[in-house]
N, C-alpha and C. Protein backbone atom coordinates (compact mmCIF):
# COMPACT_ATOMS: atom_id res chain seq x y z
N UNK A 1 -13.47 18.26 -52.89
CA UNK A 1 -13.96 17.35 -51.87
C UNK A 1 -12.83 17.06 -50.90
N UNK A 2 -13.10 17.22 -49.59
CA UNK A 2 -12.08 16.98 -48.59
C UNK A 2 -12.12 15.54 -48.14
N UNK A 3 -10.97 15.05 -47.74
CA UNK A 3 -10.88 13.67 -47.27
C UNK A 3 -11.37 13.58 -45.84
N UNK A 4 -12.11 12.51 -45.53
CA UNK A 4 -12.62 12.33 -44.17
C UNK A 4 -11.54 11.76 -43.24
N UNK A 5 -10.47 11.21 -43.81
CA UNK A 5 -9.39 10.66 -43.01
C UNK A 5 -8.31 11.72 -42.90
N UNK A 6 -8.10 12.22 -41.68
CA UNK A 6 -7.15 13.31 -41.53
C UNK A 6 -5.90 12.90 -40.77
N UNK A 7 -5.97 11.89 -39.96
CA UNK A 7 -4.81 11.49 -39.16
C UNK A 7 -4.83 10.00 -38.92
N UNK A 8 -3.71 9.51 -38.38
CA UNK A 8 -3.60 8.09 -38.07
C UNK A 8 -3.77 7.89 -36.57
N UNK A 9 -4.24 6.71 -36.20
CA UNK A 9 -4.39 6.36 -34.79
C UNK A 9 -3.01 6.28 -34.15
N UNK A 10 -2.88 6.82 -32.94
CA UNK A 10 -1.60 6.80 -32.25
C UNK A 10 -1.22 5.44 -31.70
N UNK A 11 -2.15 4.49 -31.68
CA UNK A 11 -1.86 3.18 -31.12
C UNK A 11 -1.70 2.11 -32.21
N UNK A 12 -2.71 1.97 -33.07
CA UNK A 12 -2.65 0.90 -34.08
C UNK A 12 -2.17 1.39 -35.44
N UNK A 13 -2.14 2.71 -35.67
CA UNK A 13 -1.65 3.26 -36.92
C UNK A 13 -2.63 3.25 -38.07
N UNK A 14 -3.84 2.82 -37.83
CA UNK A 14 -4.85 2.80 -38.88
C UNK A 14 -5.40 4.21 -39.10
N UNK A 15 -5.91 4.49 -40.29
CA UNK A 15 -6.49 5.82 -40.53
C UNK A 15 -7.68 6.08 -39.61
N UNK A 16 -7.74 7.29 -39.10
CA UNK A 16 -8.79 7.67 -38.16
C UNK A 16 -9.50 8.91 -38.69
N UNK A 17 -10.79 8.93 -38.55
CA UNK A 17 -11.58 10.06 -39.02
C UNK A 17 -11.48 11.21 -38.02
N UNK A 18 -11.46 12.42 -38.51
CA UNK A 18 -11.40 13.59 -37.64
C UNK A 18 -12.72 13.78 -36.89
N UNK A 19 -13.80 13.23 -37.42
CA UNK A 19 -15.10 13.35 -36.76
C UNK A 19 -15.23 12.44 -35.55
N UNK A 20 -14.50 11.34 -35.54
CA UNK A 20 -14.60 10.38 -34.44
C UNK A 20 -13.74 10.85 -33.27
N UNK A 21 -14.21 10.59 -32.05
CA UNK A 21 -13.43 10.96 -30.87
C UNK A 21 -12.29 9.99 -30.61
N UNK A 22 -12.46 8.74 -31.03
CA UNK A 22 -11.44 7.73 -30.84
C UNK A 22 -11.44 6.76 -32.02
N UNK A 23 -10.38 5.98 -32.12
CA UNK A 23 -10.24 5.00 -33.20
C UNK A 23 -11.34 3.95 -33.08
N UNK A 24 -11.98 3.66 -34.17
CA UNK A 24 -13.07 2.68 -34.13
C UNK A 24 -12.56 1.24 -34.06
N UNK A 25 -11.26 1.03 -34.29
CA UNK A 25 -10.70 -0.32 -34.23
C UNK A 25 -10.20 -0.67 -32.84
N UNK A 26 -9.37 0.22 -32.26
CA UNK A 26 -8.75 -0.12 -30.97
C UNK A 26 -9.20 0.76 -29.82
N UNK A 27 -9.89 1.87 -30.08
CA UNK A 27 -10.38 2.73 -29.02
C UNK A 27 -9.43 3.81 -28.57
N UNK A 28 -8.30 3.98 -29.23
CA UNK A 28 -7.31 4.99 -28.81
C UNK A 28 -7.81 6.39 -29.16
N UNK A 29 -7.70 7.32 -28.19
CA UNK A 29 -8.07 8.71 -28.40
C UNK A 29 -6.80 9.53 -28.53
N UNK A 30 -6.55 10.10 -29.72
CA UNK A 30 -5.35 10.91 -29.93
C UNK A 30 -5.40 12.20 -29.12
N UNK A 31 -6.59 12.73 -28.89
CA UNK A 31 -6.71 13.97 -28.12
C UNK A 31 -6.39 13.75 -26.65
N UNK A 32 -6.92 12.69 -26.07
CA UNK A 32 -6.73 12.42 -24.65
C UNK A 32 -5.48 11.61 -24.36
N UNK A 33 -4.87 11.03 -25.39
CA UNK A 33 -3.69 10.17 -25.25
C UNK A 33 -3.95 9.00 -24.32
N UNK A 34 -5.13 8.41 -24.44
CA UNK A 34 -5.47 7.22 -23.67
C UNK A 34 -6.48 6.39 -24.45
N UNK A 35 -6.65 5.15 -24.00
CA UNK A 35 -7.59 4.24 -24.65
C UNK A 35 -8.99 4.46 -24.08
N UNK A 36 -9.98 4.48 -24.96
CA UNK A 36 -11.38 4.63 -24.56
C UNK A 36 -12.14 3.35 -24.90
N UNK A 37 -13.19 3.11 -24.16
CA UNK A 37 -14.02 1.94 -24.37
C UNK A 37 -14.76 2.05 -25.71
N UNK A 38 -14.83 0.96 -26.44
CA UNK A 38 -15.55 0.95 -27.71
C UNK A 38 -17.06 0.92 -27.51
N UNK A 39 -17.53 0.56 -26.32
CA UNK A 39 -18.96 0.50 -26.05
C UNK A 39 -19.48 1.82 -25.49
N UNK A 40 -18.85 2.30 -24.39
CA UNK A 40 -19.42 3.45 -23.68
C UNK A 40 -18.50 4.68 -23.68
N UNK A 41 -17.34 4.59 -24.31
CA UNK A 41 -16.35 5.67 -24.40
C UNK A 41 -15.77 6.07 -23.05
N UNK A 42 -15.84 5.18 -22.07
CA UNK A 42 -15.22 5.41 -20.77
C UNK A 42 -13.73 5.11 -20.83
N UNK A 43 -12.95 5.51 -19.82
CA UNK A 43 -11.51 5.26 -19.81
C UNK A 43 -11.20 3.78 -19.60
N UNK A 44 -10.24 3.27 -20.34
CA UNK A 44 -9.79 1.89 -20.21
C UNK A 44 -8.43 1.93 -19.51
N UNK A 45 -8.37 1.35 -18.30
CA UNK A 45 -7.16 1.39 -17.48
C UNK A 45 -6.77 -0.02 -17.05
N UNK A 46 -5.52 -0.16 -16.59
CA UNK A 46 -5.03 -1.45 -16.12
C UNK A 46 -5.71 -1.77 -14.80
N UNK A 47 -6.38 -2.91 -14.75
CA UNK A 47 -7.14 -3.32 -13.58
C UNK A 47 -6.75 -4.75 -13.25
N UNK A 48 -6.41 -5.01 -11.98
CA UNK A 48 -6.02 -6.37 -11.62
C UNK A 48 -7.16 -7.19 -11.03
N UNK A 49 -8.36 -6.64 -10.99
CA UNK A 49 -9.51 -7.40 -10.55
C UNK A 49 -9.68 -7.49 -9.06
N UNK A 50 -8.76 -6.97 -8.28
CA UNK A 50 -8.86 -7.00 -6.83
C UNK A 50 -9.12 -5.58 -6.34
N UNK A 51 -9.80 -5.44 -5.22
CA UNK A 51 -10.02 -4.12 -4.67
C UNK A 51 -9.16 -3.90 -3.44
N UNK A 52 -9.07 -2.67 -2.99
CA UNK A 52 -8.19 -2.36 -1.87
C UNK A 52 -8.80 -2.70 -0.52
N UNK A 53 -10.09 -3.01 -0.48
CA UNK A 53 -10.73 -3.35 0.79
C UNK A 53 -10.30 -4.73 1.28
N UNK A 54 -9.73 -5.56 0.42
CA UNK A 54 -9.32 -6.90 0.83
C UNK A 54 -8.21 -6.85 1.86
N UNK A 55 -7.34 -5.85 1.81
CA UNK A 55 -6.24 -5.75 2.77
C UNK A 55 -6.74 -5.47 4.18
N UNK A 56 -7.67 -4.54 4.33
CA UNK A 56 -8.23 -4.23 5.64
C UNK A 56 -9.02 -5.39 6.22
N UNK A 57 -9.79 -6.05 5.36
CA UNK A 57 -10.53 -7.21 5.82
C UNK A 57 -9.61 -8.35 6.21
N UNK A 58 -8.50 -8.51 5.49
CA UNK A 58 -7.53 -9.55 5.83
C UNK A 58 -6.87 -9.29 7.17
N UNK A 59 -6.59 -8.01 7.47
CA UNK A 59 -5.98 -7.66 8.75
C UNK A 59 -6.92 -7.95 9.91
N UNK A 60 -8.18 -7.60 9.74
CA UNK A 60 -9.19 -7.86 10.78
C UNK A 60 -9.39 -9.36 10.97
N UNK A 61 -9.46 -10.10 9.87
CA UNK A 61 -9.61 -11.55 9.94
C UNK A 61 -8.40 -12.19 10.61
N UNK A 62 -7.21 -11.67 10.33
CA UNK A 62 -5.99 -12.19 10.95
C UNK A 62 -5.97 -12.00 12.44
N UNK A 63 -6.45 -10.85 12.91
CA UNK A 63 -6.49 -10.61 14.35
C UNK A 63 -7.45 -11.57 15.05
N UNK A 64 -8.59 -11.83 14.42
CA UNK A 64 -9.56 -12.76 15.00
C UNK A 64 -9.01 -14.18 14.98
N UNK A 65 -8.37 -14.57 13.86
CA UNK A 65 -7.82 -15.92 13.75
C UNK A 65 -6.66 -16.12 14.72
N UNK A 66 -5.84 -15.10 14.95
CA UNK A 66 -4.72 -15.22 15.88
C UNK A 66 -5.23 -15.49 17.29
N UNK A 67 -6.37 -14.92 17.62
CA UNK A 67 -6.96 -15.13 18.94
C UNK A 67 -7.40 -16.59 19.11
N UNK A 68 -7.98 -17.17 18.07
CA UNK A 68 -8.52 -18.53 18.18
C UNK A 68 -7.50 -19.62 17.84
N UNK A 69 -6.67 -19.42 16.81
CA UNK A 69 -5.79 -20.49 16.33
C UNK A 69 -4.34 -20.34 16.76
N UNK A 70 -3.94 -19.20 17.22
CA UNK A 70 -2.54 -18.95 17.53
C UNK A 70 -1.87 -18.24 16.36
N UNK A 71 -0.73 -17.67 16.65
CA UNK A 71 -0.07 -16.82 15.67
C UNK A 71 0.43 -17.59 14.44
N UNK A 72 1.09 -18.72 14.65
CA UNK A 72 1.70 -19.44 13.52
C UNK A 72 0.67 -19.97 12.54
N UNK A 73 -0.40 -20.58 13.05
CA UNK A 73 -1.42 -21.13 12.16
C UNK A 73 -2.20 -20.03 11.46
N UNK A 74 -2.49 -18.93 12.18
CA UNK A 74 -3.24 -17.84 11.53
C UNK A 74 -2.39 -17.17 10.46
N UNK A 75 -1.09 -17.02 10.69
CA UNK A 75 -0.22 -16.46 9.65
C UNK A 75 -0.13 -17.39 8.45
N UNK A 76 -0.10 -18.69 8.70
CA UNK A 76 -0.09 -19.66 7.61
C UNK A 76 -1.33 -19.51 6.74
N UNK A 77 -2.49 -19.41 7.38
CA UNK A 77 -3.74 -19.26 6.63
C UNK A 77 -3.79 -17.93 5.88
N UNK A 78 -3.38 -16.84 6.54
CA UNK A 78 -3.42 -15.54 5.88
C UNK A 78 -2.47 -15.47 4.68
N UNK A 79 -1.25 -15.97 4.85
CA UNK A 79 -0.32 -15.95 3.72
C UNK A 79 -0.79 -16.89 2.61
N UNK A 80 -1.44 -17.99 2.96
CA UNK A 80 -1.99 -18.88 1.94
C UNK A 80 -3.10 -18.23 1.14
N UNK A 81 -3.98 -17.51 1.84
CA UNK A 81 -5.06 -16.79 1.15
C UNK A 81 -4.49 -15.66 0.30
N UNK A 82 -3.50 -14.94 0.83
CA UNK A 82 -2.86 -13.87 0.06
C UNK A 82 -2.18 -14.43 -1.19
N UNK A 83 -1.55 -15.59 -1.08
CA UNK A 83 -0.94 -16.25 -2.23
C UNK A 83 -2.00 -16.55 -3.29
N UNK A 84 -3.12 -17.12 -2.87
CA UNK A 84 -4.17 -17.48 -3.83
C UNK A 84 -4.79 -16.25 -4.48
N UNK A 85 -5.06 -15.21 -3.70
CA UNK A 85 -5.68 -14.01 -4.26
C UNK A 85 -4.74 -13.26 -5.20
N UNK A 86 -3.47 -13.21 -4.85
CA UNK A 86 -2.50 -12.53 -5.72
C UNK A 86 -2.33 -13.30 -7.02
N UNK A 87 -2.28 -14.61 -6.94
CA UNK A 87 -2.17 -15.43 -8.15
C UNK A 87 -3.42 -15.30 -9.00
N UNK A 88 -4.59 -15.21 -8.37
CA UNK A 88 -5.82 -14.99 -9.13
C UNK A 88 -5.80 -13.63 -9.81
N UNK A 89 -5.23 -12.63 -9.14
CA UNK A 89 -5.10 -11.30 -9.72
C UNK A 89 -4.22 -11.29 -10.95
N UNK A 90 -3.20 -12.14 -10.96
CA UNK A 90 -2.31 -12.24 -12.12
C UNK A 90 -3.10 -12.70 -13.34
N UNK A 91 -4.00 -13.65 -13.15
CA UNK A 91 -4.74 -14.21 -14.28
C UNK A 91 -5.92 -13.35 -14.70
N UNK A 92 -6.45 -12.51 -13.81
CA UNK A 92 -7.59 -11.67 -14.15
C UNK A 92 -7.19 -10.26 -14.54
N UNK A 93 -5.90 -9.95 -14.49
CA UNK A 93 -5.45 -8.60 -14.79
C UNK A 93 -5.57 -8.29 -16.28
N UNK A 94 -5.98 -7.08 -16.59
CA UNK A 94 -6.08 -6.64 -17.96
C UNK A 94 -6.55 -5.20 -18.04
N UNK A 95 -6.54 -4.65 -19.23
CA UNK A 95 -7.04 -3.30 -19.43
C UNK A 95 -8.55 -3.38 -19.57
N UNK A 96 -9.26 -2.78 -18.62
CA UNK A 96 -10.71 -2.85 -18.58
C UNK A 96 -11.30 -1.45 -18.45
N UNK A 97 -12.51 -1.31 -18.95
CA UNK A 97 -13.24 -0.05 -18.85
C UNK A 97 -13.72 0.13 -17.41
N UNK A 98 -13.54 1.33 -16.88
CA UNK A 98 -14.00 1.62 -15.52
C UNK A 98 -15.52 1.67 -15.43
N UNK A 99 -16.19 1.97 -16.53
CA UNK A 99 -17.63 2.19 -16.48
C UNK A 99 -18.44 0.92 -16.78
N UNK A 100 -18.08 0.19 -17.82
CA UNK A 100 -18.91 -0.96 -18.21
C UNK A 100 -18.19 -2.31 -18.06
N UNK A 101 -16.88 -2.32 -17.83
CA UNK A 101 -16.16 -3.57 -17.63
C UNK A 101 -15.65 -4.22 -18.90
N UNK A 102 -15.77 -3.55 -20.06
CA UNK A 102 -15.28 -4.11 -21.32
C UNK A 102 -13.77 -4.30 -21.22
N UNK A 103 -13.26 -5.43 -21.68
CA UNK A 103 -11.84 -5.74 -21.63
C UNK A 103 -11.23 -5.58 -23.00
N UNK A 104 -10.14 -4.82 -23.07
CA UNK A 104 -9.42 -4.63 -24.34
C UNK A 104 -8.59 -5.87 -24.64
N UNK A 105 -8.69 -6.36 -25.84
CA UNK A 105 -7.91 -7.53 -26.25
C UNK A 105 -6.43 -7.17 -26.32
N UNK A 106 -5.57 -8.16 -26.09
CA UNK A 106 -4.12 -7.91 -26.07
C UNK A 106 -3.59 -7.43 -27.41
N UNK A 107 -4.20 -7.84 -28.51
CA UNK A 107 -3.71 -7.41 -29.82
C UNK A 107 -4.03 -5.94 -30.10
N UNK A 108 -4.93 -5.32 -29.31
CA UNK A 108 -5.26 -3.91 -29.49
C UNK A 108 -4.35 -2.99 -28.67
N UNK A 109 -3.59 -3.54 -27.73
CA UNK A 109 -2.79 -2.72 -26.83
C UNK A 109 -1.52 -2.21 -27.51
N UNK A 110 -1.09 -1.03 -27.10
CA UNK A 110 0.16 -0.47 -27.62
C UNK A 110 1.35 -1.12 -26.90
N UNK A 111 2.54 -0.83 -27.39
CA UNK A 111 3.75 -1.40 -26.80
C UNK A 111 3.91 -0.95 -25.34
N UNK A 112 3.64 0.31 -25.05
CA UNK A 112 3.77 0.82 -23.69
C UNK A 112 2.76 0.15 -22.75
N UNK A 113 1.55 -0.08 -23.24
CA UNK A 113 0.53 -0.74 -22.41
C UNK A 113 0.90 -2.19 -22.14
N UNK A 114 1.47 -2.86 -23.14
CA UNK A 114 1.91 -4.24 -22.93
C UNK A 114 3.06 -4.29 -21.94
N UNK A 115 3.98 -3.33 -22.00
CA UNK A 115 5.09 -3.28 -21.05
C UNK A 115 4.59 -2.99 -19.64
N UNK A 116 3.62 -2.10 -19.51
CA UNK A 116 3.04 -1.79 -18.21
C UNK A 116 2.35 -3.02 -17.61
N UNK A 117 1.61 -3.73 -18.44
CA UNK A 117 0.92 -4.93 -17.98
C UNK A 117 1.92 -6.01 -17.58
N UNK A 118 2.98 -6.18 -18.38
CA UNK A 118 3.99 -7.18 -18.08
C UNK A 118 4.74 -6.86 -16.79
N UNK A 119 5.07 -5.57 -16.58
CA UNK A 119 5.76 -5.18 -15.35
C UNK A 119 4.90 -5.40 -14.12
N UNK A 120 3.65 -5.04 -14.21
CA UNK A 120 2.72 -5.23 -13.08
C UNK A 120 2.52 -6.72 -12.82
N UNK A 121 2.41 -7.51 -13.88
CA UNK A 121 2.23 -8.95 -13.72
C UNK A 121 3.45 -9.58 -13.06
N UNK A 122 4.66 -9.13 -13.44
CA UNK A 122 5.89 -9.66 -12.84
C UNK A 122 5.93 -9.35 -11.35
N UNK A 123 5.57 -8.11 -10.97
CA UNK A 123 5.57 -7.73 -9.56
C UNK A 123 4.55 -8.55 -8.77
N UNK A 124 3.41 -8.81 -9.37
CA UNK A 124 2.39 -9.60 -8.67
C UNK A 124 2.83 -11.05 -8.52
N UNK A 125 3.52 -11.59 -9.50
CA UNK A 125 4.03 -12.96 -9.39
C UNK A 125 5.08 -13.04 -8.29
N UNK A 126 5.96 -12.02 -8.20
CA UNK A 126 6.94 -12.00 -7.11
C UNK A 126 6.26 -11.91 -5.76
N UNK A 127 5.24 -11.08 -5.64
CA UNK A 127 4.49 -10.97 -4.39
C UNK A 127 3.79 -12.26 -4.03
N UNK A 128 3.24 -12.93 -5.02
CA UNK A 128 2.58 -14.20 -4.79
C UNK A 128 3.58 -15.26 -4.34
N UNK A 129 4.74 -15.29 -4.96
CA UNK A 129 5.78 -16.25 -4.55
C UNK A 129 6.23 -15.97 -3.12
N UNK A 130 6.39 -14.69 -2.77
CA UNK A 130 6.79 -14.35 -1.40
C UNK A 130 5.73 -14.80 -0.39
N UNK A 131 4.47 -14.61 -0.71
CA UNK A 131 3.40 -15.06 0.18
C UNK A 131 3.40 -16.58 0.31
N UNK A 132 3.66 -17.28 -0.78
CA UNK A 132 3.73 -18.74 -0.73
C UNK A 132 4.87 -19.23 0.13
N UNK A 133 6.04 -18.61 0.01
CA UNK A 133 7.20 -18.98 0.82
C UNK A 133 6.91 -18.70 2.30
N UNK A 134 6.32 -17.55 2.58
CA UNK A 134 5.99 -17.21 3.97
C UNK A 134 4.93 -18.15 4.54
N UNK A 135 3.98 -18.59 3.72
CA UNK A 135 2.98 -19.54 4.19
C UNK A 135 3.63 -20.87 4.56
N UNK A 136 4.56 -21.34 3.74
CA UNK A 136 5.26 -22.59 4.03
C UNK A 136 6.12 -22.44 5.29
N UNK A 137 6.80 -21.31 5.44
CA UNK A 137 7.64 -21.08 6.62
C UNK A 137 6.80 -21.02 7.89
N UNK A 138 5.66 -20.36 7.83
CA UNK A 138 4.78 -20.29 9.01
C UNK A 138 4.18 -21.65 9.34
N UNK A 139 3.89 -22.44 8.32
CA UNK A 139 3.39 -23.79 8.58
C UNK A 139 4.47 -24.65 9.24
N UNK A 140 5.71 -24.50 8.77
CA UNK A 140 6.82 -25.24 9.40
C UNK A 140 6.99 -24.80 10.86
N UNK A 141 6.84 -23.51 11.12
CA UNK A 141 6.92 -22.99 12.48
C UNK A 141 5.81 -23.59 13.35
N UNK A 142 4.59 -23.64 12.80
CA UNK A 142 3.47 -24.22 13.53
C UNK A 142 3.70 -25.72 13.79
N UNK A 143 4.19 -26.44 12.77
CA UNK A 143 4.45 -27.88 12.94
C UNK A 143 5.53 -28.11 13.99
N UNK A 144 6.57 -27.29 14.00
CA UNK A 144 7.63 -27.41 15.01
C UNK A 144 7.07 -27.14 16.41
N UNK A 145 6.21 -26.12 16.54
CA UNK A 145 5.62 -25.80 17.84
C UNK A 145 4.72 -26.94 18.32
N UNK A 146 3.95 -27.54 17.42
CA UNK A 146 3.08 -28.66 17.82
C UNK A 146 3.90 -29.88 18.22
N UNK A 147 4.98 -30.12 17.48
CA UNK A 147 5.84 -31.28 17.80
C UNK A 147 6.51 -31.11 19.15
N UNK A 148 7.02 -29.89 19.41
CA UNK A 148 7.68 -29.67 20.69
C UNK A 148 6.68 -29.69 21.84
N UNK A 149 5.45 -29.26 21.60
CA UNK A 149 4.42 -29.30 22.64
C UNK A 149 4.01 -30.72 22.95
N UNK A 150 3.92 -31.57 21.90
CA UNK A 150 3.53 -32.95 22.09
C UNK A 150 4.64 -33.78 22.76
N UNK A 151 5.89 -33.41 22.48
CA UNK A 151 7.02 -34.12 23.08
C UNK A 151 7.25 -33.68 24.52
N UNK A 152 6.63 -32.60 24.93
CA UNK A 152 6.75 -32.14 26.31
C UNK A 152 8.00 -31.34 26.58
N UNK A 153 8.62 -30.77 25.56
CA UNK A 153 9.85 -30.00 25.77
C UNK A 153 9.57 -28.65 26.34
């Protein structure tokens, strides 16, 4: 009688059946060297919850706002929105299935996946902080311009 367990999972180390395409505990596929969804077997990748269309829409919105509000106030609003969206991305980031949206729990992730997530999260926090600083600087610029305009200088 042959054993049904032929190898160990490359991520969690638990015994894995040769008949299964991926580990039934964590979803790791030794053949593909990536994590698969436990529901639909789709690829599980690092997703920050934001899409790339937000940048183009922000640029268009900024051009319209600059026309109506002026450069300093529109930059303040844009950097404030960018700060909020980037910070929201930090909290919604995780390894998610591209097909069904299933989120892998942190205890199922390998060391490399945790390092990748931590590095991406750190970069997003730095970007969010930069947007916050720029929003405050643009607001100070707008306040200075309003004060000098009111004083008649």
